[in-house]
Amino acid sequence: MNHFMHIFFSNFVTDLLNQTISLNKIITTQRHPVV
């Protein structure tokens, strides 16, 4: 159980991080359009 929760939590954090990075890239691109 503990091991499963650890894996789940790790995946959750990784997904969250990836979403945040993607969001930041989108926001940055909108502010400073890449030519």
PDB file of N, CA and C in Angstrom:
ATOM      1  N   MET A   1       0.855  -1.197   0.000  1.00  0.00           N
ATOM      2  CA  MET A   1       0.000   0.000   0.000  1.00  0.00           C
ATOM      3  C   MET A   1       0.891   1.247   0.000  1.00  0.00           C
ATOM      4  N   ASN A   2       1.831   1.283   0.895  1.00  0.00           N
ATOM      5  CA  ASN A   2       2.709   2.440   0.986  1.00  0.00           C
ATOM      6  C   ASN A   2       3.468   2.637  -0.317  1.00  0.00           C
ATOM      7  N   HIS A   3       3.943   1.536  -0.863  1.00  0.00           N
ATOM      8  CA  HIS A   3       4.702   1.596  -2.112  1.00  0.00           C
ATOM      9  C   HIS A   3       3.815   2.112  -3.243  1.00  0.00           C
ATOM     10  N   PHE A   4       2.587   1.618  -3.295  1.00  0.00           N
ATOM     11  CA  PHE A   4       1.656   2.040  -4.337  1.00  0.00           C
ATOM     12  C   PHE A   4       1.370   3.535  -4.226  1.00  0.00           C
ATOM     13  N   MET A   5       1.136   3.998  -3.015  1.00  0.00           N
ATOM     14  CA  MET A   5       0.851   5.423  -2.810  1.00  0.00           C
ATOM     15  C   MET A   5       2.046   6.275  -3.229  1.00  0.00           C
ATOM     16  N   HIS A   6       3.224   5.774  -2.959  1.00  0.00           N
ATOM     17  CA  HIS A   6       4.435   6.519  -3.328  1.00  0.00           C
ATOM     18  C   HIS A   6       4.526   6.653  -4.845  1.00  0.00           C
ATOM     19  N   ILE A   7       4.262   5.568  -5.558  1.00  0.00           N
ATOM     20  CA  ILE A   7       4.300   5.597  -7.029  1.00  0.00           C
ATOM     21  C   ILE A   7       3.221   6.543  -7.551  1.00  0.00           C
ATOM     22  N   PHE A   8       2.033   6.420  -7.005  1.00  0.00           N
ATOM     23  CA  PHE A   8       0.923   7.265  -7.438  1.00  0.00           C
ATOM     24  C   PHE A   8       1.257   8.735  -7.209  1.00  0.00           C
ATOM     25  N   PHE A   9       1.793   9.040  -6.037  1.00  0.00           N
ATOM     26  CA  PHE A   9       2.130  10.420  -5.693  1.00  0.00           C
ATOM     27  C   PHE A   9       3.215  10.947  -6.622  1.00  0.00           C
ATOM     28  N   SER A  10       4.199  10.116  -6.900  1.00  0.00           N
ATOM     29  CA  SER A  10       5.292  10.534  -7.789  1.00  0.00           C
ATOM     30  C   SER A  10       4.750  10.848  -9.173  1.00  0.00           C
ATOM     31  N   ASN A  11       3.887   9.975  -9.685  1.00  0.00           N
ATOM     32  CA  ASN A  11       3.303  10.207 -11.008  1.00  0.00           C
ATOM     33  C   ASN A  11       2.460  11.473 -11.003  1.00  0.00           C
ATOM     34  N   PHE A  12       1.706  11.676  -9.930  1.00  0.00           N
ATOM     35  CA  PHE A  12       0.847  12.843  -9.813  1.00  0.00           C
ATOM     36  C   PHE A  12       1.680  14.122  -9.849  1.00  0.00           C
ATOM     37  N   VAL A  13       2.757  14.141  -9.072  1.00  0.00           N
ATOM     38  CA  VAL A  13       3.625  15.323  -9.016  1.00  0.00           C
ATOM     39  C   VAL A  13       4.284  15.559 -10.373  1.00  0.00           C
ATOM     40  N   THR A  14       4.708  14.479 -11.015  1.00  0.00           N
ATOM     41  CA  THR A  14       5.356  14.612 -12.325  1.00  0.00           C
ATOM     42  C   THR A  14       4.381  15.200 -13.335  1.00  0.00           C
ATOM     43  N   ASP A  15       3.146  14.689 -13.349  1.00  0.00           N
ATOM     44  CA  ASP A  15       2.137  15.215 -14.271  1.00  0.00           C
ATOM     45  C   ASP A  15       1.871  16.684 -13.983  1.00  0.00           C
ATOM     46  N   LEU A  16       1.759  17.005 -12.709  1.00  0.00           N
ATOM     47  CA  LEU A  16       1.484  18.386 -12.311  1.00  0.00           C
ATOM     48  C   LEU A  16       2.615  19.298 -12.787  1.00  0.00           C
ATOM     49  N   LEU A  17       3.844  18.845 -12.596  1.00  0.00           N
ATOM     50  CA  LEU A  17       5.009  19.628 -13.029  1.00  0.00           C
ATOM     51  C   LEU A  17       4.987  19.825 -14.535  1.00  0.00           C
ATOM     52  N   ASN A  18       4.705  18.761 -15.265  1.00  0.00           N
ATOM     53  CA  ASN A  18       4.679  18.854 -16.727  1.00  0.00           C
ATOM     54  C   ASN A  18       3.598  19.826 -17.189  1.00  0.00           C
ATOM     55  N   GLN A  19       2.433  19.779 -16.545  1.00  0.00           N
ATOM     56  CA  GLN A  19       1.347  20.688 -16.909  1.00  0.00           C
ATOM     57  C   GLN A  19       1.746  22.129 -16.628  1.00  0.00           C
ATOM     58  N   THR A  20       2.387  22.350 -15.491  1.00  0.00           N
ATOM     59  CA  THR A  20       2.813  23.705 -15.133  1.00  0.00           C
ATOM     60  C   THR A  20       3.835  24.224 -16.129  1.00  0.00           C
ATOM     61  N   ILE A  21       4.783  23.373 -16.520  1.00  0.00           N
ATOM     62  CA  ILE A  21       5.812  23.781 -17.490  1.00  0.00           C
ATOM     63  C   ILE A  21       5.151  24.110 -18.823  1.00  0.00           C
ATOM     64  N   SER A  22       4.219  23.274 -19.251  1.00  0.00           N
ATOM     65  CA  SER A  22       3.531  23.509 -20.521  1.00  0.00           C
ATOM     66  C   SER A  22       2.762  24.823 -20.460  1.00  0.00           C
ATOM     67  N   LEU A  23       2.093  25.059 -19.352  1.00  0.00           N
ATOM     68  CA  LEU A  23       1.334  26.289 -19.177  1.00  0.00           C
ATOM     69  C   LEU A  23       2.259  27.492 -19.242  1.00  0.00           C
ATOM     70  N   ASN A  24       3.386  27.418 -18.571  1.00  0.00           N
ATOM     71  CA  ASN A  24       4.349  28.525 -18.576  1.00  0.00           C
ATOM     72  C   ASN A  24       4.856  28.778 -19.986  1.00  0.00           C
ATOM     73  N   LYS A  25       5.096  27.726 -20.756  1.00  0.00           N
ATOM     74  CA  LYS A  25       5.567  27.890 -22.131  1.00  0.00           C
ATOM     75  C   LYS A  25       4.508  28.601 -22.963  1.00  0.00           C
ATOM     76  N   ILE A  26       3.250  28.217 -22.770  1.00  0.00           N
ATOM     77  CA  ILE A  26       2.153  28.829 -23.528  1.00  0.00           C
ATOM     78  C   ILE A  26       2.046  30.315 -23.164  1.00  0.00           C
ATOM     79  N   ILE A  27       2.099  30.611 -21.867  1.00  0.00           N
ATOM     80  CA  ILE A  27       1.997  32.006 -21.414  1.00  0.00           C
ATOM     81  C   ILE A  27       3.179  32.813 -21.945  1.00  0.00           C
ATOM     82  N   THR A  28       4.369  32.254 -21.868  1.00  0.00           N
ATOM     83  CA  THR A  28       5.561  32.961 -22.347  1.00  0.00           C
ATOM     84  C   THR A  28       5.456  33.211 -23.842  1.00  0.00           C
ATOM     85  N   THR A  29       4.963  32.233 -24.567  1.00  0.00           N
ATOM     86  CA  THR A  29       4.836  32.363 -26.021  1.00  0.00           C
ATOM     87  C   THR A  29       3.833  33.464 -26.363  1.00  0.00           C
ATOM     88  N   GLN A  30       2.766  33.566 -25.580  1.00  0.00           N
ATOM     89  CA  GLN A  30       1.760  34.594 -25.850  1.00  0.00           C
ATOM     90  C   GLN A  30       2.314  35.987 -25.542  1.00  0.00           C
ATOM     91  N   ARG A  31       3.125  36.081 -24.509  1.00  0.00           N
ATOM     92  CA  ARG A  31       3.688  37.382 -24.141  1.00  0.00           C
ATOM     93  C   ARG A  31       4.770  37.789 -25.129  1.00  0.00           C
ATOM     94  N   HIS A  32       5.620  36.822 -25.464  1.00  0.00           N
ATOM     95  CA  HIS A  32       6.725  37.098 -26.383  1.00  0.00           C
ATOM     96  C   HIS A  32       6.639  36.108 -27.534  1.00  0.00           C
ATOM     97  N   PRO A  33       5.880  36.422 -28.555  1.00  0.00           N
ATOM     98  CA  PRO A  33       5.694  35.489 -29.667  1.00  0.00           C
ATOM     99  C   PRO A  33       7.031  35.124 -30.312  1.00  0.00           C
ATOM    100  N   VAL A  34       7.184  33.838 -30.554  1.00  0.00           N
ATOM    101  CA  VAL A  34       8.415  33.375 -31.201  1.00  0.00           C
ATOM    102  C   VAL A  34       8.266  33.542 -32.704  1.00  0.00           C
ATOM    103  N   VAL A  35       9.190  34.256 -33.314  1.00  0.00           N
ATOM    104  CA  VAL A  35       9.097  34.508 -34.753  1.00  0.00           C
ATOM    105  C   VAL A  35       9.758  33.367 -35.511  1.00  0.00           C
TER     106      VAL A  35
END
